[in-house]
């Protein structure tokens, strides 16, 4: 896990605040995670046309578990 190439993107969202919440949730479940984003979105608060896009990355071996944790549960009617 020492190289970032061992990490994969499990979710792309707009806005650092939401991404930080998801990252914290993953960490609380024991899944290492980090965020990748352009600083312009954070500095200027822009979330349009890809600016403000945040990638949530986890180690490859945790990818499926992480996706299940962060995806909303689909309720059957």
N, C-alpha and C. Protein backbone atom coordinates (compact mmCIF):
# COMPACT_ATOMS: atom_id res chain seq x y z
N UNK A 1 0.82 -1.20 0.00
CA UNK A 1 0.00 0.00 0.00
C UNK A 1 0.85 1.26 0.00
N UNK A 2 2.11 1.13 -0.25
CA UNK A 2 2.97 2.29 -0.19
C UNK A 2 2.88 3.17 -1.41
N UNK A 3 2.43 2.64 -2.53
CA UNK A 3 2.34 3.43 -3.75
C UNK A 3 0.90 3.80 -4.05
N UNK A 4 0.70 5.02 -4.56
CA UNK A 4 -0.65 5.45 -4.90
C UNK A 4 -1.23 4.62 -6.03
N UNK A 5 -0.39 3.97 -6.83
CA UNK A 5 -0.89 3.15 -7.92
C UNK A 5 -1.66 1.93 -7.40
N UNK A 6 -1.46 1.59 -6.13
CA UNK A 6 -2.20 0.50 -5.52
C UNK A 6 -3.61 0.94 -5.13
N UNK A 7 -3.90 2.22 -5.28
CA UNK A 7 -5.20 2.76 -4.93
C UNK A 7 -6.08 2.89 -6.16
N UNK A 8 -7.39 2.72 -5.98
CA UNK A 8 -8.34 2.87 -7.08
C UNK A 8 -9.44 3.83 -6.67
N UNK A 9 -10.03 4.48 -7.65
CA UNK A 9 -11.13 5.41 -7.41
C UNK A 9 -12.41 4.59 -7.20
N UNK A 10 -13.09 4.83 -6.08
CA UNK A 10 -14.34 4.14 -5.81
C UNK A 10 -15.55 5.05 -5.95
N UNK A 11 -15.31 6.37 -5.98
CA UNK A 11 -16.42 7.31 -6.11
C UNK A 11 -15.86 8.66 -6.53
N UNK A 12 -16.60 9.35 -7.38
CA UNK A 12 -16.26 10.73 -7.76
C UNK A 12 -17.47 11.58 -7.42
N UNK A 13 -17.27 12.61 -6.62
CA UNK A 13 -18.37 13.49 -6.23
C UNK A 13 -17.93 14.94 -6.35
N UNK A 14 -18.87 15.84 -6.20
CA UNK A 14 -18.60 17.28 -6.22
C UNK A 14 -18.52 17.79 -4.79
N UNK A 15 -17.45 18.49 -4.49
CA UNK A 15 -17.32 19.15 -3.19
C UNK A 15 -16.51 18.36 -2.19
N UNK A 16 -15.55 19.04 -1.58
CA UNK A 16 -14.65 18.42 -0.61
C UNK A 16 -15.37 18.05 0.68
N UNK A 17 -16.33 18.86 1.11
CA UNK A 17 -17.01 18.60 2.38
C UNK A 17 -17.68 17.23 2.39
N UNK A 18 -18.43 16.92 1.36
CA UNK A 18 -19.09 15.61 1.27
C UNK A 18 -18.07 14.49 1.17
N UNK A 19 -17.01 14.74 0.42
CA UNK A 19 -15.96 13.73 0.27
C UNK A 19 -15.29 13.43 1.61
N UNK A 20 -15.09 14.46 2.42
CA UNK A 20 -14.48 14.27 3.74
C UNK A 20 -15.36 13.41 4.63
N UNK A 21 -16.66 13.57 4.53
CA UNK A 21 -17.59 12.76 5.32
C UNK A 21 -17.50 11.30 4.90
N UNK A 22 -17.47 11.06 3.58
CA UNK A 22 -17.36 9.68 3.08
C UNK A 22 -16.03 9.08 3.50
N UNK A 23 -14.97 9.87 3.39
CA UNK A 23 -13.64 9.38 3.80
C UNK A 23 -13.65 8.99 5.27
N UNK A 24 -14.23 9.83 6.10
CA UNK A 24 -14.30 9.53 7.54
C UNK A 24 -15.08 8.25 7.80
N UNK A 25 -16.16 8.06 7.05
CA UNK A 25 -16.96 6.83 7.20
C UNK A 25 -16.11 5.61 6.83
N UNK A 26 -15.40 5.69 5.72
CA UNK A 26 -14.55 4.57 5.31
C UNK A 26 -13.48 4.30 6.35
N UNK A 27 -12.85 5.34 6.85
CA UNK A 27 -11.82 5.16 7.88
C UNK A 27 -12.39 4.52 9.14
N UNK A 28 -13.62 4.90 9.51
CA UNK A 28 -14.24 4.32 10.70
C UNK A 28 -14.56 2.84 10.51
N UNK A 29 -14.67 2.42 9.25
CA UNK A 29 -14.91 1.01 8.93
C UNK A 29 -13.59 0.25 8.73
N UNK A 30 -12.47 0.93 8.94
CA UNK A 30 -11.18 0.28 8.83
C UNK A 30 -10.61 0.25 7.42
N UNK A 31 -11.15 1.08 6.53
CA UNK A 31 -10.69 1.12 5.15
C UNK A 31 -9.85 2.37 4.94
N UNK A 32 -8.57 2.21 4.61
CA UNK A 32 -7.74 3.38 4.33
C UNK A 32 -8.29 4.12 3.11
N UNK A 33 -8.31 5.43 3.17
CA UNK A 33 -8.84 6.22 2.06
C UNK A 33 -8.15 7.57 2.00
N UNK A 34 -8.08 8.12 0.79
CA UNK A 34 -7.61 9.48 0.66
C UNK A 34 -8.34 10.15 -0.49
N UNK A 35 -8.28 11.47 -0.53
CA UNK A 35 -8.99 12.26 -1.52
C UNK A 35 -8.01 12.86 -2.51
N UNK A 36 -8.46 12.95 -3.75
CA UNK A 36 -7.65 13.58 -4.79
C UNK A 36 -8.52 14.64 -5.47
N UNK A 37 -8.02 15.89 -5.51
CA UNK A 37 -8.81 16.97 -6.10
C UNK A 37 -7.90 18.13 -6.49
N UNK A 38 -8.44 18.99 -7.35
CA UNK A 38 -7.73 20.21 -7.74
C UNK A 38 -7.94 21.26 -6.67
N UNK A 39 -6.94 22.00 -6.35
CA UNK A 39 -7.06 22.99 -5.28
C UNK A 39 -7.95 24.17 -5.67
N UNK A 40 -8.12 24.45 -6.95
CA UNK A 40 -8.94 25.59 -7.38
C UNK A 40 -10.38 25.47 -6.88
N UNK A 41 -10.90 24.26 -6.91
CA UNK A 41 -12.27 24.05 -6.43
C UNK A 41 -12.42 24.38 -4.97
N UNK A 42 -11.40 24.06 -4.19
CA UNK A 42 -11.44 24.34 -2.75
C UNK A 42 -11.25 25.83 -2.49
N UNK A 43 -10.30 26.43 -3.17
CA UNK A 43 -9.98 27.84 -2.94
C UNK A 43 -11.14 28.75 -3.34
N UNK A 44 -11.70 28.49 -4.52
CA UNK A 44 -12.75 29.36 -5.04
C UNK A 44 -14.17 28.84 -4.80
N UNK A 45 -14.29 27.65 -4.29
CA UNK A 45 -15.61 27.10 -4.02
C UNK A 45 -16.40 26.78 -5.27
N UNK A 46 -15.72 26.49 -6.34
CA UNK A 46 -16.38 26.19 -7.62
C UNK A 46 -16.63 24.69 -7.72
N UNK A 47 -17.84 24.33 -8.14
CA UNK A 47 -18.15 22.92 -8.36
C UNK A 47 -18.86 22.76 -9.70
N UNK A 48 -18.24 23.23 -10.77
CA UNK A 48 -18.83 23.14 -12.10
C UNK A 48 -17.77 22.73 -13.11
N UNK A 49 -18.21 22.05 -14.16
CA UNK A 49 -17.33 21.66 -15.25
C UNK A 49 -16.08 20.91 -14.80
N UNK A 50 -16.22 20.03 -13.83
CA UNK A 50 -15.09 19.24 -13.35
C UNK A 50 -14.27 19.89 -12.27
N UNK A 51 -14.39 21.20 -12.12
CA UNK A 51 -13.69 21.87 -11.02
C UNK A 51 -14.52 21.60 -9.76
N UNK A 52 -13.88 21.20 -8.72
CA UNK A 52 -14.59 20.84 -7.50
C UNK A 52 -14.85 19.35 -7.42
N UNK A 53 -14.44 18.63 -8.46
CA UNK A 53 -14.60 17.19 -8.48
C UNK A 53 -13.59 16.56 -7.52
N UNK A 54 -14.06 15.62 -6.72
CA UNK A 54 -13.21 14.96 -5.74
C UNK A 54 -13.27 13.46 -5.98
N UNK A 55 -12.10 12.85 -6.09
CA UNK A 55 -12.01 11.39 -6.25
C UNK A 55 -11.69 10.78 -4.89
N UNK A 56 -12.46 9.76 -4.54
CA UNK A 56 -12.22 9.03 -3.30
C UNK A 56 -11.51 7.75 -3.68
N UNK A 57 -10.32 7.55 -3.12
CA UNK A 57 -9.49 6.41 -3.46
C UNK A 57 -9.26 5.53 -2.24
N UNK A 58 -9.22 4.23 -2.50
CA UNK A 58 -8.94 3.24 -1.46
C UNK A 58 -7.98 2.20 -2.04
N UNK A 59 -7.30 1.43 -1.19
CA UNK A 59 -6.47 0.35 -1.72
C UNK A 59 -7.32 -0.63 -2.53
N UNK A 60 -6.74 -1.15 -3.58
CA UNK A 60 -7.45 -2.04 -4.50
C UNK A 60 -8.18 -3.17 -3.77
N UNK A 61 -7.55 -3.75 -2.76
CA UNK A 61 -8.16 -4.90 -2.08
C UNK A 61 -9.40 -4.52 -1.26
N UNK A 62 -9.61 -3.22 -1.01
CA UNK A 62 -10.78 -2.77 -0.26
C UNK A 62 -11.86 -2.16 -1.16
N UNK A 63 -11.63 -2.13 -2.46
CA UNK A 63 -12.51 -1.40 -3.38
C UNK A 63 -13.97 -1.87 -3.33
N UNK A 64 -14.20 -3.15 -3.42
CA UNK A 64 -15.59 -3.64 -3.43
C UNK A 64 -16.29 -3.36 -2.12
N UNK A 65 -15.61 -3.58 -1.01
CA UNK A 65 -16.20 -3.31 0.30
C UNK A 65 -16.51 -1.82 0.45
N UNK A 66 -15.61 -0.98 -0.01
CA UNK A 66 -15.81 0.47 0.09
C UNK A 66 -17.02 0.90 -0.74
N UNK A 67 -17.16 0.37 -1.94
CA UNK A 67 -18.30 0.72 -2.80
C UNK A 67 -19.61 0.34 -2.13
N UNK A 68 -19.64 -0.82 -1.49
CA UNK A 68 -20.86 -1.24 -0.80
C UNK A 68 -21.19 -0.33 0.37
N UNK A 69 -20.18 0.16 1.05
CA UNK A 69 -20.39 1.03 2.20
C UNK A 69 -20.90 2.40 1.77
N UNK A 70 -20.35 2.95 0.69
CA UNK A 70 -20.71 4.33 0.33
C UNK A 70 -21.90 4.44 -0.62
N UNK A 71 -22.28 3.37 -1.27
CA UNK A 71 -23.46 3.44 -2.14
C UNK A 71 -24.72 3.34 -1.29
N UNK A 72 -25.73 4.14 -1.63
CA UNK A 72 -26.98 4.06 -0.85
C UNK A 72 -27.65 2.70 -1.03
N UNK A 73 -28.26 2.27 0.04
CA UNK A 73 -28.97 0.99 0.01
C UNK A 73 -30.26 1.19 -0.78
N UNK A 74 -30.50 0.32 -1.75
CA UNK A 74 -31.73 0.40 -2.56
C UNK A 74 -32.83 -0.34 -1.81
N UNK A 75 -33.90 0.38 -1.50
CA UNK A 75 -35.03 -0.21 -0.79
C UNK A 75 -36.02 -0.80 -1.79
N UNK A 76 -36.47 -2.02 -1.53
CA UNK A 76 -37.47 -2.63 -2.40
C UNK A 76 -38.85 -2.27 -1.88
N UNK A 77 -39.74 -1.96 -2.81
CA UNK A 77 -41.10 -1.59 -2.40
C UNK A 77 -42.02 -2.78 -2.47
